[in-house]
Amino acid sequence: MSDLASHRLADVGIVAVTVLANRRMDSDAASDRFDALYLAYWPLLRKIAVRKFGVAIADADDLVQDVFATYLANPSNVRELHPYLIGAICNASRQYHRRNQASPLCSSIACGATPDDELIDGVVRNVVIATTLSRLGARCRETLERFYLNGETAVSIAESRDTSPGYIWRLLNYCRNRARAVYQQISVGS
């Protein structure tokens, strides 16, 4: 082999090594970009799946990974990343529920979601209502329960008590006013 040919071969080798090194660096840079992208969007996508669609947390993590795997398959097809990822997690969550139709949307407690302000407010409200009802007389408690919780009409309550519907309406009004007064005492006392 001539000196010139070996020199050109060496140049080709250097170029090949440089191209491979550049590809490896591009691959590493792409990997770093993907890692940053995953860390940035993972909490949001998981929250959407759990809170909006009621997906169990473990399944939500799987859905987020599926969304990113789909994105990685063809990132050049995605024009705007944020709307794409949001739409993809929504579609994946809907598909999850279609696959698991036997189990309806679960509540945030059953799915293992962390309690938020709404849940805590609901518990506090239920405790206040229970305390208020416990301080009312048995007649008011039963009438309010039958009317509001059981959905009975004033006429059906009156028939079961052998009285007039007008009396039940007056009793409901009295019991509501009494419950408001008890509630005021509870809320001022705490």
N, C-alpha and C. Protein backbone atom coordinates (compact mmCIF):
# COMPACT_ATOMS: atom_id res chain seq x y z
N MET A 1 0.85 -1.16 0.00
CA MET A 1 0.00 0.00 0.00
C MET A 1 0.89 1.21 0.00
N SER A 2 0.52 2.18 -0.80
CA SER A 2 1.36 3.37 -0.91
C SER A 2 1.19 4.25 0.30
N ASP A 3 2.12 5.13 0.44
CA ASP A 3 2.10 6.06 1.56
C ASP A 3 0.87 6.96 1.50
N LEU A 4 0.51 7.37 0.31
CA LEU A 4 -0.65 8.25 0.10
C LEU A 4 -1.94 7.51 0.44
N ALA A 5 -2.03 6.27 0.02
CA ALA A 5 -3.23 5.48 0.28
C ALA A 5 -3.39 5.23 1.78
N SER A 6 -2.31 4.94 2.46
CA SER A 6 -2.41 4.69 3.90
C SER A 6 -2.75 5.98 4.64
N HIS A 7 -2.27 7.10 4.13
CA HIS A 7 -2.60 8.39 4.74
C HIS A 7 -4.08 8.68 4.58
N ARG A 8 -4.62 8.41 3.38
CA ARG A 8 -6.06 8.64 3.16
C ARG A 8 -6.87 7.69 4.02
N LEU A 9 -6.43 6.45 4.13
CA LEU A 9 -7.11 5.47 4.95
C LEU A 9 -7.11 5.93 6.42
N ALA A 10 -6.02 6.50 6.86
CA ALA A 10 -5.94 7.02 8.22
C ALA A 10 -6.89 8.19 8.39
N ASP A 11 -7.00 9.05 7.35
CA ASP A 11 -7.94 10.17 7.41
C ASP A 11 -9.37 9.67 7.48
N VAL A 12 -9.68 8.65 6.69
CA VAL A 12 -11.02 8.06 6.72
C VAL A 12 -11.30 7.48 8.09
N GLY A 13 -10.32 6.84 8.68
CA GLY A 13 -10.48 6.27 10.02
C GLY A 13 -10.74 7.34 11.05
N ILE A 14 -10.03 8.45 10.94
CA ILE A 14 -10.23 9.57 11.88
C ILE A 14 -11.62 10.15 11.72
N VAL A 15 -12.04 10.30 10.47
CA VAL A 15 -13.38 10.83 10.20
C VAL A 15 -14.43 9.89 10.76
N ALA A 16 -14.24 8.57 10.54
CA ALA A 16 -15.19 7.58 11.04
C ALA A 16 -15.29 7.63 12.56
N VAL A 17 -14.15 7.70 13.23
CA VAL A 17 -14.14 7.77 14.69
C VAL A 17 -14.81 9.05 15.16
N THR A 18 -14.55 10.15 14.47
CA THR A 18 -15.17 11.43 14.82
C THR A 18 -16.68 11.36 14.64
N VAL A 19 -17.14 10.78 13.53
CA VAL A 19 -18.58 10.66 13.30
C VAL A 19 -19.23 9.80 14.38
N LEU A 20 -18.62 8.68 14.71
CA LEU A 20 -19.16 7.81 15.76
C LEU A 20 -19.19 8.52 17.11
N ALA A 21 -18.13 9.27 17.40
CA ALA A 21 -18.09 10.01 18.66
C ALA A 21 -19.19 11.07 18.70
N ASN A 22 -19.40 11.76 17.57
CA ASN A 22 -20.46 12.77 17.49
C ASN A 22 -21.83 12.13 17.67
N ARG A 23 -22.03 10.97 17.02
CA ARG A 23 -23.31 10.28 17.18
C ARG A 23 -23.52 9.88 18.64
N ARG A 24 -22.49 9.39 19.27
CA ARG A 24 -22.58 8.99 20.67
C ARG A 24 -22.90 10.21 21.54
N MET A 25 -22.26 11.35 21.26
CA MET A 25 -22.53 12.57 22.03
C MET A 25 -23.95 13.04 21.76
N ASP A 26 -24.41 12.96 20.48
CA ASP A 26 -25.78 13.33 20.18
C ASP A 26 -26.75 12.41 20.90
N SER A 27 -26.40 11.13 20.95
CA SER A 27 -27.23 10.16 21.66
C SER A 27 -27.27 10.48 23.15
N ASP A 28 -26.12 10.80 23.73
CA ASP A 28 -26.07 11.17 25.15
C ASP A 28 -26.85 12.45 25.41
N ALA A 29 -26.72 13.43 24.52
CA ALA A 29 -27.45 14.69 24.67
C ALA A 29 -28.95 14.45 24.55
N ALA A 30 -29.35 13.59 23.60
CA ALA A 30 -30.76 13.26 23.45
C ALA A 30 -31.27 12.53 24.69
N SER A 31 -30.45 11.64 25.23
CA SER A 31 -30.82 10.92 26.43
C SER A 31 -30.99 11.89 27.60
N ASP A 32 -30.07 12.85 27.73
CA ASP A 32 -30.18 13.85 28.79
C ASP A 32 -31.42 14.70 28.62
N ARG A 33 -31.72 15.08 27.35
CA ARG A 33 -32.94 15.87 27.09
C ARG A 33 -34.17 15.08 27.45
N PHE A 34 -34.19 13.80 27.11
CA PHE A 34 -35.34 12.96 27.43
C PHE A 34 -35.49 12.82 28.94
N ASP A 35 -34.39 12.61 29.64
CA ASP A 35 -34.45 12.50 31.10
C ASP A 35 -35.03 13.77 31.72
N ALA A 36 -34.57 14.91 31.25
CA ALA A 36 -35.09 16.18 31.76
C ALA A 36 -36.58 16.33 31.43
N LEU A 37 -36.95 15.94 30.22
CA LEU A 37 -38.35 16.01 29.80
C LEU A 37 -39.21 15.09 30.66
N TYR A 38 -38.75 13.88 30.89
CA TYR A 38 -39.49 12.92 31.70
C TYR A 38 -39.68 13.44 33.12
N LEU A 39 -38.60 13.95 33.71
CA LEU A 39 -38.69 14.46 35.08
C LEU A 39 -39.59 15.69 35.17
N ALA A 40 -39.63 16.48 34.11
CA ALA A 40 -40.47 17.68 34.12
C ALA A 40 -41.95 17.34 33.98
N TYR A 41 -42.29 16.36 33.15
CA TYR A 41 -43.69 16.08 32.85
C TYR A 41 -44.28 14.92 33.66
N TRP A 42 -43.46 14.07 34.22
CA TRP A 42 -43.97 12.90 34.93
C TRP A 42 -44.96 13.26 36.04
N PRO A 43 -44.67 14.22 36.93
CA PRO A 43 -45.64 14.52 38.00
C PRO A 43 -46.98 15.05 37.46
N LEU A 44 -46.92 15.89 36.45
CA LEU A 44 -48.15 16.45 35.88
C LEU A 44 -49.00 15.36 35.25
N LEU A 45 -48.39 14.52 34.44
CA LEU A 45 -49.14 13.46 33.76
C LEU A 45 -49.72 12.47 34.76
N ARG A 46 -48.96 12.16 35.78
CA ARG A 46 -49.44 11.24 36.82
C ARG A 46 -50.62 11.85 37.57
N LYS A 47 -50.52 13.14 37.88
CA LYS A 47 -51.60 13.82 38.59
C LYS A 47 -52.88 13.84 37.76
N ILE A 48 -52.74 14.08 36.46
CA ILE A 48 -53.92 14.08 35.58
C ILE A 48 -54.58 12.71 35.59
N ALA A 49 -53.79 11.66 35.46
CA ALA A 49 -54.36 10.31 35.43
C ALA A 49 -55.05 9.97 36.75
N VAL A 50 -54.43 10.33 37.87
CA VAL A 50 -54.98 9.95 39.17
C VAL A 50 -56.17 10.82 39.55
N ARG A 51 -56.01 12.12 39.46
CA ARG A 51 -57.07 13.02 39.96
C ARG A 51 -58.21 13.22 38.98
N LYS A 52 -57.91 13.37 37.71
CA LYS A 52 -58.97 13.64 36.75
C LYS A 52 -59.69 12.37 36.33
N PHE A 53 -58.94 11.27 36.17
CA PHE A 53 -59.53 10.05 35.65
C PHE A 53 -59.66 8.94 36.68
N GLY A 54 -59.14 9.15 37.89
CA GLY A 54 -59.29 8.16 38.95
C GLY A 54 -58.53 6.87 38.71
N VAL A 55 -57.41 6.96 38.05
CA VAL A 55 -56.57 5.78 37.80
C VAL A 55 -55.76 5.51 39.06
N ALA A 56 -55.60 4.23 39.41
CA ALA A 56 -54.78 3.87 40.56
C ALA A 56 -53.35 4.35 40.34
N ILE A 57 -52.65 4.71 41.41
CA ILE A 57 -51.32 5.31 41.28
C ILE A 57 -50.35 4.39 40.54
N ALA A 58 -50.32 3.11 40.89
CA ALA A 58 -49.40 2.19 40.21
C ALA A 58 -49.71 2.11 38.72
N ASP A 59 -50.99 2.09 38.39
CA ASP A 59 -51.38 2.05 36.98
C ASP A 59 -51.10 3.37 36.29
N ALA A 60 -51.21 4.47 37.02
CA ALA A 60 -50.92 5.78 36.44
C ALA A 60 -49.46 5.88 36.04
N ASP A 61 -48.57 5.34 36.87
CA ASP A 61 -47.15 5.34 36.52
C ASP A 61 -46.90 4.55 35.24
N ASP A 62 -47.60 3.42 35.11
CA ASP A 62 -47.47 2.62 33.89
C ASP A 62 -47.97 3.39 32.67
N LEU A 63 -49.09 4.11 32.83
CA LEU A 63 -49.63 4.89 31.72
C LEU A 63 -48.68 6.00 31.30
N VAL A 64 -48.05 6.66 32.28
CA VAL A 64 -47.10 7.73 31.97
C VAL A 64 -45.92 7.15 31.18
N GLN A 65 -45.45 5.99 31.60
CA GLN A 65 -44.35 5.37 30.87
C GLN A 65 -44.76 4.98 29.46
N ASP A 66 -46.00 4.51 29.29
CA ASP A 66 -46.49 4.18 27.95
C ASP A 66 -46.56 5.42 27.07
N VAL A 67 -46.98 6.54 27.65
CA VAL A 67 -47.06 7.79 26.89
C VAL A 67 -45.67 8.20 26.41
N PHE A 68 -44.70 8.13 27.29
CA PHE A 68 -43.34 8.50 26.90
C PHE A 68 -42.74 7.51 25.91
N ALA A 69 -43.08 6.24 26.03
CA ALA A 69 -42.58 5.25 25.07
C ALA A 69 -43.16 5.53 23.68
N THR A 70 -44.42 5.92 23.63
CA THR A 70 -45.04 6.27 22.35
C THR A 70 -44.38 7.51 21.77
N TYR A 71 -44.10 8.47 22.62
CA TYR A 71 -43.42 9.68 22.15
C TYR A 71 -42.02 9.35 21.62
N LEU A 72 -41.31 8.51 22.33
CA LEU A 72 -39.95 8.15 21.91
C LEU A 72 -39.92 7.41 20.58
N ALA A 73 -41.00 6.69 20.27
CA ALA A 73 -41.03 5.94 19.02
C ALA A 73 -40.95 6.87 17.81
N ASN A 74 -41.60 8.02 17.88
CA ASN A 74 -41.58 8.98 16.77
C ASN A 74 -41.64 10.41 17.28
N PRO A 75 -40.58 10.91 17.88
CA PRO A 75 -40.63 12.28 18.40
C PRO A 75 -40.74 13.33 17.30
N SER A 76 -40.33 13.00 16.10
CA SER A 76 -40.39 13.97 15.01
C SER A 76 -41.83 14.22 14.56
N ASN A 77 -42.76 13.32 14.89
CA ASN A 77 -44.17 13.49 14.50
C ASN A 77 -44.91 14.46 15.43
N VAL A 78 -44.29 14.83 16.53
CA VAL A 78 -44.94 15.68 17.53
C VAL A 78 -44.59 17.14 17.24
N ARG A 79 -45.62 17.95 17.01
CA ARG A 79 -45.38 19.37 16.73
C ARG A 79 -45.21 20.17 18.01
N GLU A 80 -46.15 20.00 18.93
CA GLU A 80 -46.09 20.71 20.21
C GLU A 80 -46.13 19.66 21.32
N LEU A 81 -45.11 19.62 22.11
CA LEU A 81 -44.93 18.55 23.08
C LEU A 81 -45.96 18.59 24.21
N HIS A 82 -46.17 19.74 24.82
CA HIS A 82 -47.06 19.83 25.98
C HIS A 82 -48.48 19.34 25.66
N PRO A 83 -49.14 19.88 24.62
CA PRO A 83 -50.48 19.38 24.32
C PRO A 83 -50.48 17.89 23.93
N TYR A 84 -49.43 17.47 23.27
CA TYR A 84 -49.35 16.06 22.87
C TYR A 84 -49.34 15.16 24.11
N LEU A 85 -48.51 15.49 25.09
CA LEU A 85 -48.41 14.65 26.28
C LEU A 85 -49.70 14.68 27.10
N ILE A 86 -50.32 15.84 27.21
CA ILE A 86 -51.58 15.95 27.95
C ILE A 86 -52.66 15.11 27.27
N GLY A 87 -52.78 15.27 25.97
CA GLY A 87 -53.77 14.48 25.23
C GLY A 87 -53.49 13.00 25.30
N ALA A 88 -52.23 12.64 25.24
CA ALA A 88 -51.87 11.22 25.28
C ALA A 88 -52.22 10.60 26.63
N ILE A 89 -51.97 11.30 27.73
CA ILE A 89 -52.30 10.72 29.04
C ILE A 89 -53.81 10.65 29.23
N CYS A 90 -54.54 11.62 28.71
CA CYS A 90 -56.00 11.58 28.78
C CYS A 90 -56.53 10.38 28.00
N ASN A 91 -56.03 10.20 26.79
CA ASN A 91 -56.47 9.07 25.97
C ASN A 91 -56.07 7.74 26.61
N ALA A 92 -54.88 7.67 27.16
CA ALA A 92 -54.43 6.44 27.81
C ALA A 92 -55.28 6.13 29.04
N SER A 93 -55.68 7.16 29.78
CA SER A 93 -56.52 6.95 30.96
C SER A 93 -57.91 6.47 30.56
N ARG A 94 -58.46 7.05 29.51
CA ARG A 94 -59.77 6.60 29.02
C ARG A 94 -59.69 5.15 28.55
N GLN A 95 -58.63 4.83 27.82
CA GLN A 95 -58.44 3.47 27.34
C GLN A 95 -58.29 2.51 28.53
N TYR A 96 -57.61 2.94 29.55
CA TYR A 96 -57.45 2.13 30.76
C TYR A 96 -58.81 1.77 31.34
N HIS A 97 -59.72 2.76 31.40
CA HIS A 97 -61.05 2.49 31.95
C HIS A 97 -61.89 1.64 31.02
N ARG A 98 -61.72 1.78 29.72
CA ARG A 98 -62.44 0.91 28.80
C ARG A 98 -61.99 -0.54 28.98
N ARG A 99 -60.70 -0.75 29.19
CA ARG A 99 -60.17 -2.09 29.41
C ARG A 99 -60.65 -2.67 30.73
N ASN A 100 -60.81 -1.83 31.72
CA ASN A 100 -61.18 -2.27 33.07
C ASN A 100 -62.60 -1.82 33.41
N GLN A 101 -63.54 -2.07 32.54
CA GLN A 101 -64.91 -1.60 32.77
C GLN A 101 -65.54 -2.19 34.02
N ALA A 102 -65.07 -3.33 34.45
CA ALA A 102 -65.64 -3.95 35.64
C ALA A 102 -65.39 -3.09 36.87
N SER A 103 -64.28 -2.36 36.89
CA SER A 103 -64.00 -1.49 38.03
C SER A 103 -64.21 -0.05 37.62
N PRO A 104 -65.27 0.60 38.13
CA PRO A 104 -65.55 1.99 37.76
C PRO A 104 -64.48 2.92 38.30
N LEU A 105 -64.59 4.19 37.94
CA LEU A 105 -63.63 5.19 38.44
C LEU A 105 -63.57 5.09 39.95
N CYS A 106 -62.39 4.97 40.46
CA CYS A 106 -62.24 4.82 41.90
C CYS A 106 -62.12 6.18 42.56
N SER A 107 -62.49 6.22 43.80
CA SER A 107 -62.36 7.46 44.53
C SER A 107 -60.88 7.68 44.85
N SER A 108 -60.57 8.90 45.22
CA SER A 108 -59.16 9.21 45.50
C SER A 108 -58.65 8.42 46.69
N ILE A 109 -59.52 8.07 47.64
CA ILE A 109 -59.08 7.30 48.80
C ILE A 109 -58.79 5.87 48.37
N ALA A 110 -59.71 5.26 47.59
CA ALA A 110 -59.53 3.87 47.17
C ALA A 110 -58.32 3.71 46.26
N CYS A 111 -57.99 4.73 45.49
CA CYS A 111 -56.87 4.64 44.57
C CYS A 111 -55.55 4.90 45.28
N GLY A 112 -55.59 5.32 46.50
CA GLY A 112 -54.35 5.56 47.24
C GLY A 112 -53.79 6.95 47.02
N ALA A 113 -54.58 7.86 46.50
CA ALA A 113 -54.10 9.21 46.29
C ALA A 113 -53.92 9.89 47.64
N THR A 114 -53.04 10.82 47.68
CA THR A 114 -52.82 11.54 48.93
C THR A 114 -54.01 12.43 49.21
N PRO A 115 -54.38 12.58 50.48
CA PRO A 115 -55.53 13.43 50.79
C PRO A 115 -55.21 14.89 50.47
N ASP A 116 -56.17 15.57 49.92
CA ASP A 116 -55.97 16.97 49.61
C ASP A 116 -56.96 17.80 50.42
N ASP A 117 -56.96 19.07 50.18
CA ASP A 117 -57.81 19.97 50.96
C ASP A 117 -59.29 19.63 50.82
N GLU A 118 -59.71 19.23 49.63
CA GLU A 118 -61.12 18.89 49.41
C GLU A 118 -61.54 17.70 50.25
N LEU A 119 -60.69 16.70 50.31
CA LEU A 119 -60.99 15.51 51.11
C LEU A 119 -61.05 15.87 52.59
N ILE A 120 -60.09 16.64 53.06
CA ILE A 120 -60.06 17.03 54.47
C ILE A 120 -61.28 17.90 54.80
N ASP A 121 -61.64 18.82 53.90
CA ASP A 121 -62.83 19.64 54.13
C ASP A 121 -64.08 18.78 54.20
N GLY A 122 -64.15 17.75 53.37
CA GLY A 122 -65.30 16.84 53.38
C GLY A 122 -65.41 16.09 54.70
N VAL A 123 -64.29 15.64 55.22
CA VAL A 123 -64.29 14.93 56.50
C VAL A 123 -64.72 15.87 57.62
N VAL A 124 -64.18 17.08 57.62
CA VAL A 124 -64.55 18.07 58.64
C VAL A 124 -66.04 18.39 58.55
N ARG A 125 -66.53 18.57 57.33
CA ARG A 125 -67.96 18.87 57.13
C ARG A 125 -68.83 17.73 57.67
N ASN A 126 -68.43 16.47 57.41
CA ASN A 126 -69.20 15.33 57.90
C ASN A 126 -69.19 15.26 59.42
N VAL A 127 -68.08 15.58 60.04
CA VAL A 127 -68.00 15.59 61.51
C VAL A 127 -68.90 16.68 62.08
N VAL A 128 -68.88 17.85 61.46
CA VAL A 128 -69.72 18.96 61.94
C VAL A 128 -71.20 18.60 61.77
N ILE A 129 -71.57 18.00 60.66
CA ILE A 129 -72.96 17.61 60.44
C ILE A 129 -73.38 16.57 61.47
N ALA A 130 -72.51 15.56 61.70
CA ALA A 130 -72.84 14.52 62.68
C ALA A 130 -72.98 15.13 64.08
N THR A 131 -72.11 16.06 64.44
CA THR A 131 -72.19 16.71 65.74
C THR A 131 -73.47 17.54 65.85
N THR A 132 -73.79 18.24 64.78
CA THR A 132 -75.02 19.05 64.77
C THR A 132 -76.24 18.17 64.95
N LEU A 133 -76.30 17.08 64.18
CA LEU A 133 -77.47 16.19 64.28
C LEU A 133 -77.55 15.52 65.65
N SER A 134 -76.40 15.23 66.25
CA SER A 134 -76.44 14.58 67.57
C SER A 134 -76.99 15.52 68.64
N ARG A 135 -76.90 16.81 68.43
CA ARG A 135 -77.40 17.78 69.42
C ARG A 135 -78.86 18.14 69.20
N LEU A 136 -79.45 17.65 68.10
CA LEU A 136 -80.87 17.88 67.87
C LEU A 136 -81.67 16.79 68.56
N GLY A 137 -82.95 17.04 68.76
CA GLY A 137 -83.81 16.03 69.34
C GLY A 137 -84.05 14.89 68.36
N ALA A 138 -84.54 13.78 68.89
CA ALA A 138 -84.77 12.59 68.07
C ALA A 138 -85.79 12.86 66.95
N ARG A 139 -86.82 13.64 67.27
CA ARG A 139 -87.86 13.94 66.26
C ARG A 139 -87.27 14.73 65.10
N CYS A 140 -86.48 15.74 65.39
CA CYS A 140 -85.85 16.55 64.33
C CYS A 140 -84.84 15.71 63.55
N ARG A 141 -84.05 14.96 64.27
CA ARG A 141 -83.02 14.15 63.62
C ARG A 141 -83.67 13.17 62.63
N GLU A 142 -84.72 12.49 63.09
CA GLU A 142 -85.39 11.51 62.23
C GLU A 142 -86.07 12.18 61.04
N THR A 143 -86.71 13.29 61.26
CA THR A 143 -87.41 13.98 60.18
C THR A 143 -86.44 14.49 59.12
N LEU A 144 -85.36 15.13 59.57
CA LEU A 144 -84.36 15.63 58.61
C LEU A 144 -83.70 14.47 57.84
N GLU A 145 -83.41 13.39 58.55
CA GLU A 145 -82.79 12.23 57.89
C GLU A 145 -83.72 11.65 56.84
N ARG A 146 -84.98 11.48 57.19
CA ARG A 146 -85.92 10.88 56.23
C ARG A 146 -86.13 11.80 55.02
N PHE A 147 -86.21 13.10 55.27
CA PHE A 147 -86.48 14.03 54.18
C PHE A 147 -85.26 14.23 53.29
N TYR A 148 -84.10 14.49 53.89
CA TYR A 148 -82.91 14.82 53.10
C TYR A 148 -82.08 13.61 52.68
N LEU A 149 -81.88 12.68 53.58
CA LEU A 149 -81.01 11.56 53.26
C LEU A 149 -81.75 10.42 52.55
N ASN A 150 -82.96 10.12 53.01
CA ASN A 150 -83.71 9.03 52.40
C ASN A 150 -84.55 9.49 51.22
N GLY A 151 -84.75 10.80 51.08
CA GLY A 151 -85.50 11.33 49.94
C GLY A 151 -87.01 11.16 50.03
N GLU A 152 -87.51 10.95 51.22
CA GLU A 152 -88.96 10.80 51.38
C GLU A 152 -89.63 12.17 51.25
N THR A 153 -90.87 12.15 50.84
CA THR A 153 -91.62 13.40 50.71
C THR A 153 -92.29 13.72 52.05
N ALA A 154 -92.72 14.97 52.17
CA ALA A 154 -93.41 15.38 53.40
C ALA A 154 -94.71 14.60 53.55
N VAL A 155 -95.36 14.27 52.45
CA VAL A 155 -96.61 13.51 52.48
C VAL A 155 -96.37 12.11 53.04
N SER A 156 -95.31 11.43 52.58
CA SER A 156 -95.05 10.06 53.07
C SER A 156 -94.63 10.07 54.54
N ILE A 157 -93.89 11.09 54.95
CA ILE A 157 -93.52 11.19 56.36
C ILE A 157 -94.76 11.44 57.20
N ALA A 158 -95.65 12.31 56.71
CA ALA A 158 -96.88 12.63 57.44
C ALA A 158 -97.76 11.39 57.56
N GLU A 159 -97.87 10.61 56.48
CA GLU A 159 -98.70 9.40 56.54
C GLU A 159 -98.16 8.40 57.56
N SER A 160 -96.83 8.25 57.60
CA SER A 160 -96.27 7.28 58.55
C SER A 160 -96.41 7.76 60.00
N ARG A 161 -96.52 9.05 60.20
CA ARG A 161 -96.67 9.59 61.56
C ARG A 161 -98.12 9.92 61.89
N ASP A 162 -99.00 9.68 60.95
CA ASP A 162 -100.44 9.93 61.13
C ASP A 162 -100.70 11.40 61.47
N THR A 163 -100.16 12.26 60.63
CA THR A 163 -100.33 13.70 60.79
C THR A 163 -100.46 14.33 59.42
N SER A 164 -100.55 15.66 59.36
CA SER A 164 -100.73 16.34 58.08
C SER A 164 -99.39 16.74 57.47
N PRO A 165 -99.32 16.84 56.14
CA PRO A 165 -98.08 17.30 55.49
C PRO A 165 -97.70 18.72 55.92
N GLY A 166 -98.69 19.57 56.22
CA GLY A 166 -98.40 20.93 56.67
C GLY A 166 -97.60 20.92 57.96
N TYR A 167 -97.97 20.00 58.87
CA TYR A 167 -97.23 19.89 60.12
C TYR A 167 -95.79 19.47 59.85
N ILE A 168 -95.58 18.56 58.92
CA ILE A 168 -94.22 18.09 58.60
C ILE A 168 -93.41 19.25 58.01
N TRP A 169 -94.05 20.07 57.16
CA TRP A 169 -93.32 21.22 56.60
C TRP A 169 -92.90 22.19 57.69
N ARG A 170 -93.82 22.46 58.65
CA ARG A 170 -93.48 23.33 59.77
C ARG A 170 -92.37 22.71 60.63
N LEU A 171 -92.45 21.39 60.85
CA LEU A 171 -91.43 20.69 61.63
C LEU A 171 -90.08 20.76 60.92
N LEU A 172 -90.07 20.57 59.61
CA LEU A 172 -88.83 20.67 58.85
C LEU A 172 -88.23 22.07 58.97
N ASN A 173 -89.08 23.09 58.90
CA ASN A 173 -88.60 24.47 59.03
C ASN A 173 -88.01 24.70 60.42
N TYR A 174 -88.71 24.25 61.46
CA TYR A 174 -88.22 24.39 62.83
C TYR A 174 -86.89 23.65 62.99
N CYS A 175 -86.80 22.42 62.48
CA CYS A 175 -85.59 21.61 62.64
C CYS A 175 -84.42 22.22 61.88
N ARG A 176 -84.66 22.77 60.70
CA ARG A 176 -83.58 23.44 59.96
C ARG A 176 -83.07 24.64 60.72
N ASN A 177 -83.98 25.45 61.28
CA ASN A 177 -83.56 26.61 62.06
C ASN A 177 -82.79 26.18 63.31
N ARG A 178 -83.25 25.12 63.95
CA ARG A 178 -82.56 24.61 65.14
C ARG A 178 -81.16 24.10 64.76
N ALA A 179 -81.04 23.41 63.63
CA ALA A 179 -79.75 22.89 63.16
C ALA A 179 -78.81 24.04 62.85
N ARG A 180 -79.33 25.12 62.24
CA ARG A 180 -78.48 26.29 61.97
C ARG A 180 -77.94 26.89 63.26
N ALA A 181 -78.80 27.00 64.29
CA ALA A 181 -78.37 27.57 65.56
C ALA A 181 -77.31 26.68 66.22
N VAL A 182 -77.50 25.38 66.19
CA VAL A 182 -76.50 24.45 66.76
C VAL A 182 -75.21 24.56 65.98
N TYR A 183 -75.30 24.63 64.66
CA TYR A 183 -74.10 24.77 63.82
C TYR A 183 -73.34 26.05 64.17
N GLN A 184 -74.05 27.14 64.38
CA GLN A 184 -73.41 28.40 64.77
C GLN A 184 -72.68 28.25 66.09
N GLN A 185 -73.28 27.55 67.04
CA GLN A 185 -72.62 27.32 68.33
C GLN A 185 -71.36 26.50 68.15
N ILE A 186 -71.43 25.49 67.31
CA ILE A 186 -70.26 24.62 67.09
C ILE A 186 -69.14 25.40 66.42
N SER A 187 -69.48 26.17 65.37
CA SER A 187 -68.45 26.87 64.62
C SER A 187 -67.84 28.02 65.41
N VAL A 188 -68.61 28.67 66.29
CA VAL A 188 -68.06 29.74 67.12
C VAL A 188 -67.21 29.15 68.23
N GLY A 189 -67.63 27.99 68.76
CA GLY A 189 -66.90 27.35 69.85
C GLY A 189 -65.55 26.79 69.42
N SER A 190 -65.38 26.47 68.14
CA SER A 190 -64.11 25.86 67.70
C SER A 190 -63.18 26.83 67.12
